[in-house]
Amino acid sequence: MAERRQMIEPNHPKLSTARQCRLLGLPRSSYYRRPNPKPVEDLALMRVIDEVYLAQPVFGSRQMTRWLRRQGYTINRKRVRRLMRLMGLEAIYPKPNLSRARAGAQVYPYLLRHLAVTRPNQVWATDITYVPIAGGFCYLCAVIDWYSRAVLAWELSNTLDASFCVRAVQRALAQHGTPEIFNTDQGCQFTSAEFTQLLLACGVKLSMDGKGRCLDNVFVERLWRTVKHDEIYLRSYADLTEATNRLTVFFDFYNERRPHSAHDHDGQHFTPMEIYCRDLAQPLSA
């Protein structure tokens, strides 16, 4: 998105800004919006909360507040709740309204329970996570293939709406074909008509995690741990452009050169994309 924003020429002699945004697939709101810098103390707390949540995703705002106080932070639950909501973090234990779908949005059943995932493009999944950058933060959406663990597409955004998730899915579909099942949580981005209609129009079966089911989308959660510990936590991104450039390098390494622990077979070690491409070429009856 940052690259597309930089391609806009506000004083172009023939193309209006609105027309340029449409041609680039960039929402005008994303072009005009400039995120306000957040207080330094809030950003530092958000970084700590993100690291703690990654290790303890069962922590809600109450338990997170207790933990932070034990580490010496003077903070109340209201502030922790506000920051966690801003980051899109919620505890995964069962409770009412865990996943915030839009009122009236259709929620689809979870289709992966007891399902043997035996081939690429059988099941894809996606989720969103928080990424800190200097003076603020952004959100990362990734689409993965469950069988191979390959990251098929990803997108960064400074707004937590459905459009950047849709762009990630569109890119995955264009580059890798169509999955049989697509799994998400029940968040408003994934229950929106913009998101669901794109997949339904391709004949994809939609599957959504049950409320409080922390293991329903476990492979995406494992991806977040990997990308944060091996890349994001080791960097200090200056802006969205640097985050995009660094994550491009990382996901190429993750897909193409980093052996995945799930793919150690008979002393051989394979990367996600090696497994994806190898087994995609196999006939279904094999």
Protein backbone atom coordinates (compact mmCIF):
# COMPACT_ATOMS: atom_id res chain seq x y z
CA MET A 1 0.00 0.00 0.00
CA ALA A 2 2.85 2.40 0.81
CA GLU A 3 4.32 1.92 -2.67
CA ARG A 4 0.95 2.58 -4.30
CA ARG A 5 0.48 5.74 -2.25
CA GLN A 6 3.87 7.03 -3.41
CA MET A 7 2.85 6.48 -7.05
CA ILE A 8 0.01 9.01 -6.77
CA GLU A 9 0.75 12.36 -8.46
CA PRO A 10 -1.60 14.96 -6.88
CA ASN A 11 -0.91 17.49 -9.66
CA HIS A 12 -1.13 15.10 -12.60
CA PRO A 13 -2.33 17.09 -15.68
CA LYS A 14 -4.77 14.43 -16.93
CA LEU A 15 -5.66 12.05 -14.11
CA SER A 16 -7.46 13.13 -10.96
CA THR A 17 -6.32 11.78 -7.61
CA ALA A 18 -9.52 9.72 -7.38
CA ARG A 19 -8.89 8.20 -10.83
CA GLN A 20 -5.28 7.35 -9.95
CA CYS A 21 -6.45 5.64 -6.74
CA ARG A 22 -8.92 3.52 -8.71
CA LEU A 23 -6.30 2.51 -11.27
CA LEU A 24 -3.88 1.48 -8.52
CA GLY A 25 -6.50 -0.32 -6.46
CA LEU A 26 -5.87 2.06 -3.56
CA PRO A 27 -8.83 3.25 -1.47
CA ARG A 28 -8.92 7.04 -1.40
CA SER A 29 -9.30 6.96 2.37
CA SER A 30 -5.98 5.11 2.61
CA TYR A 31 -4.28 7.72 0.40
CA TYR A 32 -5.54 10.74 2.31
CA ARG A 33 -5.24 9.23 5.78
CA ARG A 34 -2.04 10.05 7.61
CA PRO A 35 -1.93 8.21 10.94
CA ASN A 36 -1.42 10.51 13.91
CA PRO A 37 1.71 9.70 15.92
CA LYS A 38 0.82 7.81 19.07
CA PRO A 39 2.27 8.75 22.46
CA VAL A 40 5.67 7.14 22.90
CA GLU A 41 4.61 5.53 26.16
CA ASP A 42 1.55 3.94 24.52
CA LEU A 43 3.69 2.53 21.70
CA ALA A 44 6.16 1.06 24.18
CA LEU A 45 3.32 -0.55 26.11
CA MET A 46 1.77 -1.91 22.93
CA ARG A 47 5.07 -3.56 22.03
CA VAL A 48 5.22 -5.21 25.46
CA ILE A 49 1.57 -6.26 25.30
CA ASP A 50 2.12 -7.76 21.85
CA GLU A 51 5.08 -9.85 23.04
CA VAL A 52 3.22 -11.05 26.13
CA TYR A 53 0.10 -11.88 24.13
CA LEU A 54 2.12 -13.87 21.61
CA ALA A 55 3.37 -16.08 24.46
CA GLN A 56 0.11 -16.05 26.44
CA PRO A 57 -2.86 -15.58 24.07
CA VAL A 58 -5.26 -16.48 26.89
CA PHE A 59 -4.49 -13.15 28.59
CA GLY A 60 -7.43 -10.76 28.42
CA SER A 61 -7.23 -7.15 29.55
CA ARG A 62 -7.67 -8.07 33.22
CA GLN A 63 -4.87 -10.63 33.34
CA MET A 64 -2.65 -8.48 31.10
CA THR A 65 -3.07 -5.59 33.54
CA ARG A 66 -2.06 -7.82 36.45
CA TRP A 67 1.00 -9.02 34.57
CA LEU A 68 2.09 -5.49 33.60
CA ARG A 69 1.72 -4.27 37.18
CA ARG A 70 3.94 -7.11 38.40
CA GLN A 71 6.56 -5.91 35.93
CA GLY A 72 6.47 -2.44 37.47
CA TYR A 73 4.09 -0.64 35.14
CA THR A 74 1.62 1.80 36.67
CA ILE A 75 -1.42 1.14 34.53
CA ASN A 76 -5.15 0.51 34.84
CA ARG A 77 -7.30 -2.03 33.06
CA LYS A 78 -9.16 0.60 31.05
CA ARG A 79 -5.97 1.67 29.33
CA VAL A 80 -4.87 -1.92 28.69
CA ARG A 81 -8.28 -2.73 27.23
CA ARG A 82 -8.10 0.32 24.95
CA LEU A 83 -4.63 -0.60 23.67
CA MET A 84 -5.52 -4.25 23.14
CA ARG A 85 -8.63 -3.24 21.22
CA LEU A 86 -6.52 -0.89 19.09
CA MET A 87 -4.16 -3.78 18.35
CA GLY A 88 -6.98 -6.17 17.54
CA LEU A 89 -6.09 -8.50 20.44
CA GLU A 90 -8.63 -10.53 22.39
CA ALA A 91 -8.16 -13.43 24.78
CA ILE A 92 -8.91 -16.77 23.15
CA TYR A 93 -10.71 -18.42 26.07
CA PRO A 94 -14.47 -18.95 25.61
CA LYS A 95 -16.59 -15.91 26.44
CA PRO A 96 -19.61 -14.10 24.95
CA ASN A 97 -18.94 -12.10 21.76
CA LEU A 98 -15.32 -13.24 21.45
CA SER A 99 -15.24 -12.62 17.71
CA ARG A 100 -16.81 -9.37 16.71
CA ALA A 101 -18.70 -10.01 13.53
CA ARG A 102 -20.87 -7.24 12.17
CA ALA A 103 -24.46 -7.31 13.35
CA GLY A 104 -26.43 -9.44 10.93
CA ALA A 105 -23.33 -10.80 9.18
CA GLN A 106 -23.52 -14.47 8.21
CA VAL A 107 -21.20 -16.77 10.15
CA TYR A 108 -20.19 -20.03 8.49
CA PRO A 109 -19.60 -23.36 10.28
CA TYR A 110 -16.14 -24.67 11.06
CA LEU A 111 -15.34 -27.31 8.42
CA LEU A 112 -11.87 -28.48 9.46
CA ARG A 113 -12.66 -30.59 12.52
CA HIS A 114 -11.53 -34.19 11.84
CA LEU A 115 -10.67 -33.21 8.25
CA ALA A 116 -7.49 -34.81 6.89
CA VAL A 117 -5.60 -32.09 5.02
CA THR A 118 -3.56 -34.06 2.49
CA ARG A 119 -2.74 -31.74 -0.40
CA PRO A 120 -1.98 -28.12 -1.36
CA ASN A 121 -4.93 -25.83 -2.11
CA GLN A 122 -7.25 -28.02 -0.07
CA VAL A 123 -7.42 -25.50 2.78
CA TRP A 124 -6.25 -21.91 2.97
CA ALA A 125 -6.47 -19.69 6.01
CA THR A 126 -5.89 -16.07 6.94
CA ASP A 127 -5.64 -13.79 9.96
CA ILE A 128 -4.45 -10.32 10.99
CA THR A 129 -1.70 -9.30 13.40
CA TYR A 130 -0.25 -6.06 14.78
CA VAL A 131 3.12 -4.72 13.56
CA PRO A 132 4.89 -1.81 15.32
CA ILE A 133 6.53 0.93 13.26
CA ALA A 134 8.15 4.20 14.32
CA GLY A 135 5.54 6.60 15.65
CA GLY A 136 2.69 4.16 15.22
CA PHE A 137 1.74 0.73 13.97
CA CYS A 138 0.17 -1.15 11.09
CA TYR A 139 -1.57 -4.46 10.49
CA LEU A 140 -0.38 -7.53 8.62
CA CYS A 141 -2.72 -9.96 6.86
CA ALA A 142 -1.35 -13.22 5.44
CA VAL A 143 -2.91 -16.06 3.46
CA ILE A 144 -1.36 -19.49 4.08
CA ASP A 145 -1.82 -22.95 2.65
CA TRP A 146 -2.55 -25.31 5.57
CA TYR A 147 -0.91 -28.36 4.04
CA SER A 148 2.45 -26.84 3.10
CA ARG A 149 2.43 -23.84 5.51
CA ALA A 150 3.43 -21.65 2.54
CA VAL A 151 2.55 -17.96 2.72
CA LEU A 152 0.69 -17.44 -0.55
CA ALA A 153 0.09 -13.69 -0.21
CA TRP A 154 0.22 -10.94 2.38
CA GLU A 155 -0.63 -7.27 2.76
CA LEU A 156 0.13 -4.42 5.16
CA SER A 157 -2.31 -1.65 6.04
CA ASN A 158 -2.52 1.26 8.47
CA THR A 159 -6.27 0.70 8.84
CA LEU A 160 -8.03 -2.34 10.25
CA ASP A 161 -10.67 -2.78 7.54
CA ALA A 162 -11.61 -5.52 5.10
CA SER A 163 -10.05 -4.03 1.98
CA PHE A 164 -6.44 -5.04 2.61
CA CYS A 165 -7.55 -8.58 3.50
CA VAL A 166 -9.45 -8.72 0.22
CA ARG A 167 -6.36 -7.58 -1.70
CA ALA A 168 -4.26 -10.33 -0.09
CA VAL A 169 -6.82 -12.97 -1.06
CA GLN A 170 -7.12 -11.59 -4.60
CA ARG A 171 -3.36 -11.85 -5.02
CA ALA A 172 -3.31 -15.41 -3.66
CA LEU A 173 -6.11 -16.46 -6.03
CA ALA A 174 -4.41 -14.84 -9.03
CA GLN A 175 -1.04 -16.46 -8.33
CA HIS A 176 -1.96 -19.85 -6.88
CA GLY A 177 -5.42 -20.87 -8.04
CA THR A 178 -8.49 -21.59 -5.93
CA PRO A 179 -8.68 -23.50 -2.64
CA GLU A 180 -11.46 -25.89 -1.74
CA ILE A 181 -11.95 -24.41 1.75
CA PHE A 182 -10.99 -21.02 3.18
CA ASN A 183 -10.81 -20.72 6.98
CA THR A 184 -10.94 -17.49 9.02
CA ASP A 185 -12.10 -16.30 12.41
CA GLN A 186 -15.43 -14.51 12.87
CA GLY A 187 -13.96 -11.00 12.80
CA CYS A 188 -15.81 -8.26 10.95
CA GLN A 189 -13.19 -8.16 8.17
CA PHE A 190 -13.89 -11.79 7.29
CA THR A 191 -17.67 -11.80 7.68
CA SER A 192 -18.04 -8.70 5.48
CA ALA A 193 -19.76 -9.12 2.13
CA GLU A 194 -16.67 -7.67 0.41
CA PHE A 195 -14.60 -10.59 1.69
CA THR A 196 -17.06 -13.50 1.62
CA GLN A 197 -18.54 -12.76 -1.81
CA LEU A 198 -15.09 -12.79 -3.40
CA LEU A 199 -14.57 -16.39 -2.27
CA LEU A 200 -18.12 -17.61 -2.75
CA ALA A 201 -18.04 -16.36 -6.33
CA CYS A 202 -15.05 -18.69 -6.91
CA GLY A 203 -16.91 -21.68 -5.50
CA VAL A 204 -14.85 -21.78 -2.29
CA LYS A 205 -16.39 -23.25 0.87
CA LEU A 206 -16.12 -20.84 3.80
CA SER A 207 -15.12 -22.10 7.24
CA MET A 208 -14.98 -19.99 10.39
CA ASP A 209 -13.42 -20.71 13.77
CA GLY A 210 -15.74 -21.39 16.67
CA LYS A 211 -15.87 -18.82 19.44
CA GLY A 212 -13.03 -19.30 21.89
CA ARG A 213 -11.47 -22.08 19.78
CA CYS A 214 -7.79 -21.20 20.05
CA LEU A 215 -6.63 -24.16 17.93
CA ASP A 216 -9.00 -23.73 15.00
CA ASN A 217 -6.54 -21.48 13.15
CA VAL A 218 -3.41 -22.80 14.83
CA PHE A 219 -1.11 -22.72 11.80
CA VAL A 220 -1.61 -19.00 11.27
CA GLU A 221 -0.90 -18.40 14.98
CA ARG A 222 2.34 -20.36 14.60
CA LEU A 223 3.24 -18.24 11.59
CA TRP A 224 2.77 -15.07 13.65
CA ARG A 225 5.14 -16.40 16.31
CA THR A 226 7.75 -17.15 13.66
CA VAL A 227 7.52 -13.86 11.79
CA LYS A 228 7.57 -11.81 14.99
CA HIS A 229 10.41 -13.60 16.76
CA ASP A 230 12.54 -14.07 13.63
CA GLU A 231 11.88 -10.70 11.97
CA ILE A 232 9.64 -8.05 13.49
CA TYR A 233 11.02 -8.10 17.05
CA LEU A 234 14.58 -7.90 15.70
CA ARG A 235 13.87 -4.70 13.73
CA SER A 236 12.67 -1.20 14.29
CA TYR A 237 10.77 -0.26 11.14
CA ALA A 238 10.93 3.44 10.34
CA ASP A 239 7.71 3.43 8.32
CA LEU A 240 5.31 1.30 6.30
CA THR A 241 7.68 1.24 3.32
CA GLU A 242 10.54 -0.22 5.35
CA ALA A 243 8.20 -2.75 6.96
CA THR A 244 7.01 -3.80 3.50
CA ASN A 245 10.56 -4.16 2.18
CA ARG A 246 11.80 -6.13 5.19
CA LEU A 247 8.78 -8.45 5.26
CA THR A 248 9.17 -9.08 1.53
CA VAL A 249 12.67 -10.37 2.18
CA PHE A 250 11.55 -12.37 5.21
CA PHE A 251 8.60 -14.12 3.54
CA ASP A 252 10.79 -15.02 0.56
CA PHE A 253 13.26 -16.58 3.01
CA TYR A 254 10.45 -18.31 4.95
CA ASN A 255 8.87 -19.80 1.82
CA GLU A 256 11.89 -20.64 -0.28
CA ARG A 257 14.95 -21.19 1.94
CA ARG A 258 13.95 -21.84 5.56
CA PRO A 259 13.21 -25.55 6.23
CA HIS A 260 9.94 -25.94 8.10
CA SER A 261 9.80 -28.23 11.14
CA ALA A 262 6.61 -29.81 9.79
CA HIS A 263 8.47 -31.00 6.70
CA ASP A 264 11.34 -33.08 8.12
CA HIS A 265 10.95 -36.46 6.40
CA ASP A 266 13.44 -39.33 6.57
CA GLY A 267 16.35 -37.01 7.25
CA GLN A 268 15.36 -34.59 4.47
CA HIS A 269 14.34 -31.03 5.25
CA PHE A 270 11.94 -29.13 3.01
CA THR A 271 10.73 -25.55 2.79
CA PRO A 272 7.02 -24.67 2.62
CA MET A 273 7.14 -23.76 -1.05
CA GLU A 274 9.07 -26.93 -1.96
CA ILE A 275 6.27 -28.99 -0.44
CA TYR A 276 3.58 -26.79 -1.99
CA CYS A 277 4.99 -27.01 -5.54
CA ARG A 278 6.01 -30.68 -5.29
CA ASP A 279 2.68 -31.99 -4.05
CA LEU A 280 0.58 -29.62 -6.15
CA ALA A 281 2.01 -31.39 -9.18
CA GLN A 282 0.90 -34.80 -7.89
CA PRO A 283 -2.35 -36.27 -9.24
CA LEU A 284 -5.20 -36.30 -6.70
CA SER A 285 -5.29 -40.08 -6.67
CA ALA A 286 -1.62 -40.34 -5.70
